[in-house]
Protein backbone atom coordinates (compact mmCIF):
# COMPACT_ATOMS: atom_id res chain seq x y z
CA MET A 1 -60.16 10.70 31.30
CA ARG A 2 -61.90 11.78 27.84
CA ARG A 3 -59.08 14.89 27.68
CA VAL A 4 -56.47 12.12 27.96
CA GLY A 5 -58.01 10.18 25.21
CA ILE A 6 -58.22 13.18 22.83
CA SER A 7 -54.63 14.36 23.89
CA ALA A 8 -53.31 10.83 23.18
CA LEU A 9 -55.13 10.84 19.65
CA GLY A 10 -53.79 14.07 19.05
CA THR A 11 -50.36 12.95 19.66
CA GLY A 12 -50.59 9.42 17.84
CA ALA A 13 -51.99 11.93 14.62
CA ALA A 14 -48.87 14.19 14.79
CA GLY A 15 -46.47 11.20 15.15
CA LEU A 16 -48.32 9.76 11.92
CA ALA A 17 -48.08 12.90 10.04
CA SER A 18 -44.69 13.32 10.76
CA VAL A 19 -43.67 9.59 9.84
CA ALA A 20 -45.41 10.31 6.61
CA ALA A 21 -43.76 13.43 6.04
CA LEU A 22 -40.53 11.89 6.70
CA TYR A 23 -41.12 9.20 4.31
CA ALA A 24 -42.57 11.50 1.41
CA VAL A 25 -39.00 13.46 1.89
CA VAL A 26 -37.18 10.38 1.23
CA ARG A 27 -39.15 9.30 -1.45
CA TYR A 28 -38.77 13.19 -3.02
CA GLY A 29 -35.20 12.92 -2.42
CA GLU A 30 -34.75 9.65 -4.84
CA ARG A 31 -35.17 11.86 -7.76
CA GLU A 32 -31.83 12.89 -8.85
CA THR A 33 -31.03 16.36 -9.77
CA VAL A 34 -27.76 16.22 -11.83
CA HIS A 35 -27.77 18.26 -15.03
CA THR A 36 -25.00 20.31 -15.16
CA PRO A 37 -21.02 19.81 -14.64
CA ALA A 38 -19.70 20.34 -11.16
CA ASP A 39 -16.15 20.68 -9.47
CA ALA A 40 -16.16 16.81 -8.16
CA LEU A 41 -18.16 13.56 -8.17
CA ILE A 42 -18.52 12.11 -4.48
CA VAL A 43 -19.11 8.47 -4.46
CA LEU A 44 -20.25 7.44 -0.82
CA GLY A 45 -18.79 4.15 0.44
CA ALA A 46 -20.80 0.75 0.79
CA GLN A 47 -20.09 -2.59 2.23
CA VAL A 48 -16.73 -4.47 1.49
CA HIS A 49 -17.07 -8.39 2.07
CA GLY A 50 -14.69 -10.14 4.20
CA ASN A 51 -12.81 -11.51 1.05
CA GLY A 52 -12.47 -8.12 -0.14
CA ARG A 53 -15.24 -8.39 -2.61
CA PRO A 54 -17.23 -5.29 -3.34
CA SER A 55 -20.93 -5.37 -2.46
CA ALA A 56 -23.48 -4.94 -5.24
CA ALA A 57 -24.41 -1.47 -3.75
CA LEU A 58 -20.77 -0.34 -3.71
CA GLN A 59 -20.21 -1.59 -7.25
CA GLY A 60 -23.36 0.07 -8.43
CA ARG A 61 -22.31 3.42 -6.77
CA VAL A 62 -18.80 3.62 -8.84
CA ARG A 63 -20.42 2.26 -11.96
CA ARG A 64 -22.77 5.37 -11.92
CA ALA A 65 -20.00 7.71 -11.05
CA VAL A 66 -17.56 6.25 -13.66
CA ALA A 67 -20.24 6.80 -16.22
CA LEU A 68 -20.92 10.45 -15.10
CA TYR A 69 -17.07 11.08 -15.16
CA HIS A 70 -16.61 9.85 -18.74
CA ALA A 71 -19.78 11.92 -20.07
CA GLY A 72 -17.85 14.98 -18.67
CA LEU A 73 -19.67 15.91 -15.56
CA ALA A 74 -16.89 16.37 -13.62
CA PRO A 75 -12.89 16.55 -13.98
CA ARG A 76 -12.39 14.49 -10.50
CA LEU A 77 -13.99 11.29 -8.85
CA VAL A 78 -14.05 11.39 -4.89
CA VAL A 79 -14.57 8.25 -3.32
CA THR A 80 -15.25 7.97 0.40
CA GLY A 81 -15.47 5.19 2.95
CA GLY A 82 -13.09 3.77 5.61
CA VAL A 83 -12.36 0.40 7.26
CA GLY A 84 -15.30 -1.64 7.96
CA GLU A 85 -15.83 -5.59 9.19
CA ALA A 86 -13.89 -6.48 6.29
CA GLY A 87 -10.63 -4.85 7.56
CA ILE A 88 -10.33 -2.98 4.28
CA ALA A 89 -11.04 0.82 3.52
CA GLU A 90 -14.00 0.91 1.14
CA ALA A 91 -12.32 3.98 -0.73
CA SER A 92 -9.59 1.86 -1.60
CA VAL A 93 -12.01 -0.94 -3.17
CA MET A 94 -13.80 1.92 -4.84
CA GLN A 95 -10.61 3.64 -6.34
CA ALA A 96 -9.73 0.11 -7.97
CA LEU A 97 -13.24 -0.01 -9.47
CA ALA A 98 -12.98 3.11 -10.80
CA VAL A 99 -9.70 2.95 -12.68
CA ALA A 100 -10.57 -0.52 -13.80
CA GLY A 101 -13.77 1.49 -15.43
CA GLY A 102 -11.18 3.82 -16.98
CA VAL A 103 -10.81 6.53 -14.74
CA PRO A 104 -7.35 8.00 -14.36
CA GLU A 105 -5.79 7.15 -11.20
CA GLU A 106 -4.89 10.67 -10.97
CA ALA A 107 -8.34 11.68 -11.29
CA VAL A 108 -9.40 9.76 -8.17
CA VAL A 109 -9.28 11.34 -4.76
CA ILE A 110 -9.33 9.10 -1.71
CA GLU A 111 -11.00 9.55 1.47
CA SER A 112 -10.37 6.53 3.45
CA ARG A 113 -11.07 7.52 7.08
CA ALA A 114 -15.04 8.35 7.29
CA THR A 115 -17.41 5.56 8.46
CA ARG A 116 -20.52 7.53 8.57
CA THR A 117 -21.97 10.00 5.88
CA LEU A 118 -21.58 12.85 8.14
CA GLU A 119 -17.88 11.97 8.54
CA SER A 120 -17.69 11.99 4.78
CA ALA A 121 -19.32 15.07 4.36
CA ARG A 122 -17.11 16.71 6.85
CA ALA A 123 -13.82 15.38 5.64
CA ILE A 124 -14.70 16.39 1.90
CA GLY A 125 -15.87 19.45 3.23
CA VAL A 126 -11.94 20.22 4.52
CA LEU A 127 -10.58 18.98 1.06
CA GLY A 128 -13.07 20.88 -0.88
CA ARG A 129 -12.47 24.18 0.75
CA ARG A 130 -8.68 23.55 0.52
CA ALA A 131 -9.14 22.96 -3.34
CA GLY A 132 -11.77 25.80 -4.13
CA TRP A 133 -14.63 23.42 -5.11
CA GLN A 134 -17.93 25.35 -5.47
CA SER A 135 -19.98 22.38 -6.51
CA VAL A 136 -20.07 18.39 -6.06
CA ILE A 137 -22.56 15.84 -7.69
CA ILE A 138 -23.65 13.12 -4.92
CA VAL A 139 -23.68 9.68 -6.18
CA SER A 140 -25.48 7.06 -4.17
CA ASP A 141 -28.43 4.94 -3.78
CA PRO A 142 -31.62 6.87 -4.46
CA PHE A 143 -33.12 6.23 -0.65
CA HIS A 144 -29.45 7.84 0.55
CA LEU A 145 -29.57 11.10 -1.57
CA TRP A 146 -31.79 13.49 0.37
CA ARG A 147 -29.73 13.11 3.75
CA THR A 148 -26.32 13.10 1.92
CA ALA A 149 -27.45 15.99 0.02
CA LEU A 150 -28.15 18.04 3.36
CA LEU A 151 -24.97 16.97 4.83
CA PHE A 152 -23.01 18.11 1.86
CA LEU A 153 -25.10 21.39 1.63
CA LYS A 154 -24.29 22.10 5.17
CA GLU A 155 -20.55 21.84 4.23
CA GLY A 156 -21.02 24.83 1.50
CA PHE A 157 -21.51 22.98 -1.61
CA ALA A 158 -23.89 23.65 -4.42
CA VAL A 159 -25.10 20.33 -4.61
CA GLN A 160 -26.77 17.89 -7.60
CA THR A 161 -27.59 14.36 -6.99
CA ALA A 162 -27.24 11.16 -8.63
CA ALA A 163 -28.89 7.79 -8.34
CA THR A 164 -27.88 4.19 -9.08
CA ASP A 165 -30.11 1.85 -10.65
CA ASP A 166 -30.34 0.12 -7.23
CA ARG A 167 -31.79 -2.86 -9.01
CA TYR A 168 -29.67 -5.24 -6.44
CA TYR A 169 -32.06 -4.62 -3.67
CA THR A 170 -35.26 -6.13 -3.08
CA ALA A 171 -38.53 -4.44 -2.15
CA ARG A 172 -38.13 -5.41 1.30
CA SER A 173 -34.57 -4.06 1.72
CA ARG A 174 -35.64 -0.64 0.05
CA ARG A 175 -38.47 -0.34 2.63
CA TYR A 176 -36.00 -1.11 5.31
CA TYR A 177 -33.69 1.46 4.14
CA ARG A 178 -35.68 4.40 3.31
CA MET A 179 -37.20 3.45 6.98
CA ARG A 180 -33.43 4.02 8.39
CA GLU A 181 -32.92 7.06 6.26
CA MET A 182 -35.87 8.61 7.73
CA ALA A 183 -34.83 8.00 11.34
CA ALA A 184 -31.54 9.19 10.59
CA LEU A 185 -33.07 12.32 9.10
CA PHE A 186 -34.98 13.20 12.39
CA VAL A 187 -32.41 12.25 14.67
CA GLN A 188 -29.70 14.14 12.81
CA THR A 189 -31.78 17.20 12.48
CA VAL A 190 -32.94 17.30 16.31
CA ALA A 191 -29.42 16.71 17.32
CA GLY A 192 -28.22 19.86 14.99
CA GLU A 193 -26.02 17.65 12.50
CA ILE A 194 -28.45 18.74 9.78
CA PRO A 195 -29.29 22.36 10.44
CA LEU A 196 -32.45 23.78 9.11
CA ARG A 197 -30.68 26.08 6.76
CA ALA A 198 -29.58 22.97 4.88
CA TRP A 199 -33.19 21.95 4.48
CA TRP A 200 -33.79 25.59 3.24
CA ARG A 201 -31.21 25.47 0.58
CA ALA A 202 -32.25 22.00 -0.51
CA ALA A 203 -35.72 23.20 -1.19
CA ARG A 204 -34.38 26.37 -3.01
CA GLN A 205 -31.89 24.33 -5.30
CA ARG A 206 -35.12 21.85 -6.02
CA ARG A 207 -37.09 24.91 -7.27
CA GLY A 208 -34.02 26.30 -9.08
CA VAL A 209 -33.59 28.90 -6.95
CA HIS A 210 -29.96 29.53 -5.94
CA ASP A 211 -28.49 31.49 -3.33
CA ASP A 212 -26.53 34.60 -3.85
């Protein structure tokens, strides 16, 4: 019985350590890394309400991307997000917001099929390789940046991240979304959707070490 108790304690301690490590990674990833121009700004989709009204999160992501575009950080803005519960593609709503913010319509690239971050990364990976893009700036809410960066690194891009101010989230909702990101990181890494080499590349880029 004593051995069983010690084993259970060890398993529990390892589990707590894993949770703590994942939480630290998500919080670490919330610090944006954007500092140089890239080939494209990638804006991840968020909820569109039933009446077609963009959620605060979607507006915040597009608003930050538009500001970066006007600052000259990239010549194009890619909006990605498929059809959700509202029956409207998130990307279409995002395009309208970006154009209203002064981004030329021809500078907005639409990806309107993806309904998961993984699908967005894969679809834009195909677009980017065809267009010869080498680098991207990911624009999303802070808690979403690390996992998104890993998925785009997997597609072969050099990745920088830019965070929204996320003032539209309560402290409770931030905790919820961080926990959700922790779970997604674990599941997608174990499933091989996020390869270990992407983690390694992300760590190197954070230290300012670039792959040859």
